[in-house]
C-alpha atoms as a PDB file:
ATOM      1  CA  UNK A   1    -176.231-108.717-155.841  1.00  0.00           C
ATOM      2  CA  UNK A   2    -179.479-111.045-157.051  1.00  0.00           C
ATOM      3  CA  UNK A   3    -177.736-111.408-160.558  1.00  0.00           C
ATOM      4  CA  UNK A   4    -174.115-112.171-159.092  1.00  0.00           C
ATOM      5  CA  UNK A   5    -176.640-114.812-157.088  1.00  0.00           C
ATOM      6  CA  UNK A   6    -177.949-116.092-159.840  1.00  0.00           C
ATOM      7  CA  UNK A   7    -174.841-116.483-162.277  1.00  0.00           C
ATOM      8  CA  UNK A   8    -173.625-117.902-159.436  1.00  0.00           C
ATOM      9  CA  UNK A   9    -176.221-120.901-159.210  1.00  0.00           C
ATOM     10  CA  UNK A  10    -176.140-120.991-163.146  1.00  0.00           C
ATOM     11  CA  UNK A  11    -173.231-121.909-163.381  1.00  0.00           C
ATOM     12  CA  UNK A  12    -172.718-124.218-160.241  1.00  0.00           C
ATOM     13  CA  UNK A  13    -175.702-126.156-161.434  1.00  0.00           C
ATOM     14  CA  UNK A  14    -173.823-126.278-164.623  1.00  0.00           C
ATOM     15  CA  UNK A  15    -170.829-127.844-162.341  1.00  0.00           C
ATOM     16  CA  UNK A  16    -172.620-130.406-160.843  1.00  0.00           C
ATOM     17  CA  UNK A  17    -173.920-131.612-163.995  1.00  0.00           C
ATOM     18  CA  UNK A  18    -171.139-132.203-165.236  1.00  0.00           C
ATOM     19  CA  UNK A  19    -169.674-133.568-161.649  1.00  0.00           C
ATOM     20  CA  UNK A  20    -172.085-136.003-162.286  1.00  0.00           C
ATOM     21  CA  UNK A  21    -172.217-137.246-165.397  1.00  0.00           C
ATOM     22  CA  UNK A  22    -168.205-137.629-165.803  1.00  0.00           C
ATOM     23  CA  UNK A  23    -168.783-139.682-161.929  1.00  0.00           C
ATOM     24  CA  UNK A  24    -171.385-142.047-163.387  1.00  0.00           C
ATOM     25  CA  UNK A  25    -169.030-142.577-165.762  1.00  0.00           C
ATOM     26  CA  UNK A  26    -165.559-143.593-164.344  1.00  0.00           C
ATOM     27  CA  UNK A  27    -167.926-145.104-161.575  1.00  0.00           C
ATOM     28  CA  UNK A  28    -168.847-147.369-163.787  1.00  0.00           C
ATOM     29  CA  UNK A  29    -165.266-147.799-165.812  1.00  0.00           C
ATOM     30  CA  UNK A  30    -164.074-148.812-162.972  1.00  0.00           C
ATOM     31  CA  UNK A  31    -166.664-151.064-161.633  1.00  0.00           C
ATOM     32  CA  UNK A  32    -165.797-152.947-164.654  1.00  0.00           C
ATOM     33  CA  UNK A  33    -161.848-152.309-164.030  1.00  0.00           C
ATOM     34  CA  UNK A  34    -162.561-154.408-160.488  1.00  0.00           C
ATOM     35  CA  UNK A  35    -164.637-157.521-161.548  1.00  0.00           C
ATOM     36  CA  UNK A  36    -161.611-158.498-164.367  1.00  0.00           C
ATOM     37  CA  UNK A  37    -159.100-160.388-162.153  1.00  0.00           C
ATOM     38  CA  UNK A  38    -155.190-159.588-162.892  1.00  0.00           C
ATOM     39  CA  UNK A  39    -152.168-161.304-162.094  1.00  0.00           C
ATOM     40  CA  UNK A  40    -150.986-158.347-160.414  1.00  0.00           C
ATOM     41  CA  UNK A  41    -154.042-157.183-158.680  1.00  0.00           C
ATOM     42  CA  UNK A  42    -151.425-154.157-157.013  1.00  0.00           C
ATOM     43  CA  UNK A  43    -150.916-152.728-160.298  1.00  0.00           C
ATOM     44  CA  UNK A  44    -154.100-153.107-161.237  1.00  0.00           C
ATOM     45  CA  UNK A  45    -155.903-151.498-157.983  1.00  0.00           C
ATOM     46  CA  UNK A  46    -153.179-148.386-158.620  1.00  0.00           C
ATOM     47  CA  UNK A  47    -154.069-148.238-162.411  1.00  0.00           C
ATOM     48  CA  UNK A  48    -157.117-147.609-161.968  1.00  0.00           C
ATOM     49  CA  UNK A  49    -157.131-145.234-158.732  1.00  0.00           C
ATOM     50  CA  UNK A  50    -155.325-143.394-161.499  1.00  0.00           C
ATOM     51  CA  UNK A  51    -157.017-143.139-164.263  1.00  0.00           C
ATOM     52  CA  UNK A  52    -160.834-142.727-161.668  1.00  0.00           C
ATOM     53  CA  UNK A  53    -157.950-139.252-160.172  1.00  0.00           C
ATOM     54  CA  UNK A  54    -157.570-138.024-163.315  1.00  0.00           C
ATOM     55  CA  UNK A  55    -160.455-138.184-165.170  1.00  0.00           C
ATOM     56  CA  UNK A  56    -162.558-136.502-162.513  1.00  0.00           C
ATOM     57  CA  UNK A  57    -159.456-134.391-162.678  1.00  0.00           C
ATOM     58  CA  UNK A  58    -160.621-133.409-166.683  1.00  0.00           C
ATOM     59  CA  UNK A  59    -164.341-132.842-164.115  1.00  0.00           C
ATOM     60  CA  UNK A  60    -162.486-130.149-162.414  1.00  0.00           C
ATOM     61  CA  UNK A  61    -160.744-128.230-165.247  1.00  0.00           C
ATOM     62  CA  UNK A  62    -164.080-128.444-167.213  1.00  0.00           C
ATOM     63  CA  UNK A  63    -166.330-126.658-164.186  1.00  0.00           C
ATOM     64  CA  UNK A  64    -162.754-123.917-164.864  1.00  0.00           C
ATOM     65  CA  UNK A  65    -164.299-123.900-167.861  1.00  0.00           C
ATOM     66  CA  UNK A  66    -167.087-122.805-167.198  1.00  0.00           C
ATOM     67  CA  UNK A  67    -166.738-120.421-164.686  1.00  0.00           C
ATOM     68  CA  UNK A  68    -164.238-118.509-166.871  1.00  0.00           C
ATOM     69  CA  UNK A  69    -166.799-118.638-169.389  1.00  0.00           C
ATOM     70  CA  UNK A  70    -169.534-117.302-167.316  1.00  0.00           C
ATOM     71  CA  UNK A  71    -166.730-114.597-165.961  1.00  0.00           C
ATOM     72  CA  UNK A  72    -166.150-113.576-169.733  1.00  0.00           C
ATOM     73  CA  UNK A  73    -169.824-113.042-170.350  1.00  0.00           C
ATOM     74  CA  UNK A  74    -169.894-111.383-167.607  1.00  0.00           C
ATOM     75  CA  UNK A  75    -167.087-108.561-167.816  1.00  0.00           C
ATOM     76  CA  UNK A  76    -166.114-110.265-163.903  1.00  0.00           C
ATOM     77  CA  UNK A  77    -162.383-109.235-163.279  1.00  0.00           C
ATOM     78  CA  UNK A  78    -160.854-106.657-164.957  1.00  0.00           C
ATOM     79  CA  UNK A  79    -159.571-105.554-169.003  1.00  0.00           C
ATOM     80  CA  UNK A  80    -157.160-107.918-169.287  1.00  0.00           C
ATOM     81  CA  UNK A  81    -157.108-110.241-167.122  1.00  0.00           C
ATOM     82  CA  UNK A  82    -156.713-114.031-167.672  1.00  0.00           C
ATOM     83  CA  UNK A  83    -160.116-115.257-166.962  1.00  0.00           C
ATOM     84  CA  UNK A  84    -158.355-119.491-167.095  1.00  0.00           C
ATOM     85  CA  UNK A  85    -155.865-118.737-163.477  1.00  0.00           C
ATOM     86  CA  UNK A  86    -158.670-116.113-162.260  1.00  0.00           C
ATOM     87  CA  UNK A  87    -161.494-118.940-162.439  1.00  0.00           C
ATOM     88  CA  UNK A  88    -158.511-121.486-160.949  1.00  0.00           C
ATOM     89  CA  UNK A  89    -157.277-119.356-158.028  1.00  0.00           C
ATOM     90  CA  UNK A  90    -161.359-119.072-156.943  1.00  0.00           C
ATOM     91  CA  UNK A  91    -162.160-122.820-157.337  1.00  0.00           C
ATOM     92  CA  UNK A  92    -159.119-123.739-155.509  1.00  0.00           C
ATOM     93  CA  UNK A  93    -159.967-122.017-152.996  1.00  0.00           C
ATOM     94  CA  UNK A  94    -156.031-120.791-153.136  1.00  0.00           C
ATOM     95  CA  UNK A  95    -157.430-117.159-152.885  1.00  0.00           C
ATOM     96  CA  UNK A  96    -156.872-113.504-154.439  1.00  0.00           C
ATOM     97  CA  UNK A  97    -153.562-112.046-155.335  1.00  0.00           C
ATOM     98  CA  UNK A  98    -152.628-110.078-157.666  1.00  0.00           C
ATOM     99  CA  UNK A  99    -156.301-110.411-159.667  1.00  0.00           C
ATOM    100  CA  UNK A 100    -160.024-109.067-158.128  1.00  0.00           C
ATOM    101  CA  UNK A 101    -163.231-109.343-159.129  1.00  0.00           C
ATOM    102  CA  UNK A 102    -164.850-105.621-160.202  1.00  0.00           C
ATOM    103  CA  UNK A 103    -166.883-103.913-157.482  1.00  0.00           C
ATOM    104  CA  UNK A 104    -169.905-105.535-158.978  1.00  0.00           C
ATOM    105  CA  UNK A 105    -169.387-109.057-159.468  1.00  0.00           C
ATOM    106  CA  UNK A 106    -167.229-109.751-156.633  1.00  0.00           C
ATOM    107  CA  UNK A 107    -169.660-112.261-154.424  1.00  0.00           C
ATOM    108  CA  UNK A 108    -168.931-114.546-158.335  1.00  0.00           C
ATOM    109  CA  UNK A 109    -165.710-115.227-156.534  1.00  0.00           C
ATOM    110  CA  UNK A 110    -166.538-117.052-152.779  1.00  0.00           C
ATOM    111  CA  UNK A 111    -169.290-118.576-155.326  1.00  0.00           C
ATOM    112  CA  UNK A 112    -167.046-119.969-157.638  1.00  0.00           C
ATOM    113  CA  UNK A 113    -165.402-121.666-153.859  1.00  0.00           C
ATOM    114  CA  UNK A 114    -168.937-123.358-152.866  1.00  0.00           C
ATOM    115  CA  UNK A 115    -168.610-124.730-155.341  1.00  0.00           C
ATOM    116  CA  UNK A 116    -164.854-126.043-155.887  1.00  0.00           C
ATOM    117  CA  UNK A 117    -164.637-126.961-152.278  1.00  0.00           C
ATOM    118  CA  UNK A 118    -168.500-128.862-152.655  1.00  0.00           C
ATOM    119  CA  UNK A 119    -167.329-130.882-156.458  1.00  0.00           C
ATOM    120  CA  UNK A 120    -163.113-131.351-154.860  1.00  0.00           C
ATOM    121  CA  UNK A 121    -166.014-133.538-151.695  1.00  0.00           C
ATOM    122  CA  UNK A 122    -166.807-135.784-154.173  1.00  0.00           C
ATOM    123  CA  UNK A 123    -164.559-136.523-155.414  1.00  0.00           C
ATOM    124  CA  UNK A 124    -162.592-136.984-153.193  1.00  0.00           C
ATOM    125  CA  UNK A 125    -166.236-139.318-152.009  1.00  0.00           C
ATOM    126  CA  UNK A 126    -165.724-141.007-155.477  1.00  0.00           C
ATOM    127  CA  UNK A 127    -162.599-141.996-155.251  1.00  0.00           C
ATOM    128  CA  UNK A 128    -162.392-142.771-152.150  1.00  0.00           C
ATOM    129  CA  UNK A 129    -166.046-145.633-153.091  1.00  0.00           C
ATOM    130  CA  UNK A 130    -163.767-146.835-156.087  1.00  0.00           C
ATOM    131  CA  UNK A 131    -160.570-147.543-153.662  1.00  0.00           C
ATOM    132  CA  UNK A 132    -162.871-149.631-152.060  1.00  0.00           C
ATOM    133  CA  UNK A 133    -165.180-151.082-154.301  1.00  0.00           C
ATOM    134  CA  UNK A 134    -162.131-152.607-155.962  1.00  0.00           C
ATOM    135  CA  UNK A 135    -160.619-153.897-152.748  1.00  0.00           C
ATOM    136  CA  UNK A 136    -164.068-155.517-152.131  1.00  0.00           C
ATOM    137  CA  UNK A 137    -164.127-157.173-155.572  1.00  0.00           C
ATOM    138  CA  UNK A 138    -160.923-158.011-155.089  1.00  0.00           C
ATOM    139  CA  UNK A 139    -161.554-159.678-151.927  1.00  0.00           C
ATOM    140  CA  UNK A 140    -163.907-161.670-152.823  1.00  0.00           C
ATOM    141  CA  UNK A 141    -162.293-162.980-156.373  1.00  0.00           C
ATOM    142  CA  UNK A 142    -159.534-164.328-153.889  1.00  0.00           C
ATOM    143  CA  UNK A 143    -157.220-162.021-154.739  1.00  0.00           C
ATOM    144  CA  UNK A 144    -153.793-161.991-153.432  1.00  0.00           C
ATOM    145  CA  UNK A 145    -152.786-160.171-150.833  1.00  0.00           C
ATOM    146  CA  UNK A 146    -156.856-159.233-150.686  1.00  0.00           C
ATOM    147  CA  UNK A 147    -158.666-161.617-148.809  1.00  0.00           C
ATOM    148  CA  UNK A 148    -160.846-160.559-146.735  1.00  0.00           C
ATOM    149  CA  UNK A 149    -159.309-161.980-144.187  1.00  0.00           C
ATOM    150  CA  UNK A 150    -156.886-159.669-144.921  1.00  0.00           C
ATOM    151  CA  UNK A 151    -158.115-155.891-144.613  1.00  0.00           C
ATOM    152  CA  UNK A 152    -158.501-156.693-140.524  1.00  0.00           C
END
């Protein structure tokens, strides 16, 4: 059991580092993009949000790949299982259907889910902060339809 917790902890820390790196990059890009005044600020806002969300989705996919690699290294799933699918099912908390972990590694599933929930919550917070900061910058620059008086 201790080995399961150790492996889960190490993979979770690796994923937190990946998410931190991608978050810092995404926020930096969104910040610089939000500073640029555009003739069509609503379209620009949409592009910033789509770009941020897509970048975060790439991070989540990388994190699932890390879990799949860990499952492979410790033989956490029955032989012949699709480890990427298994990792996605756990990470997204979809729940088991057709693949279940081997008895010796059954705690890695809940640990993967715990890591996924944390990363999704983090991504949600990042998206809302990027939206808030971009709207704030548009209001400060006087972009049409984004004045501070419009925000109520």
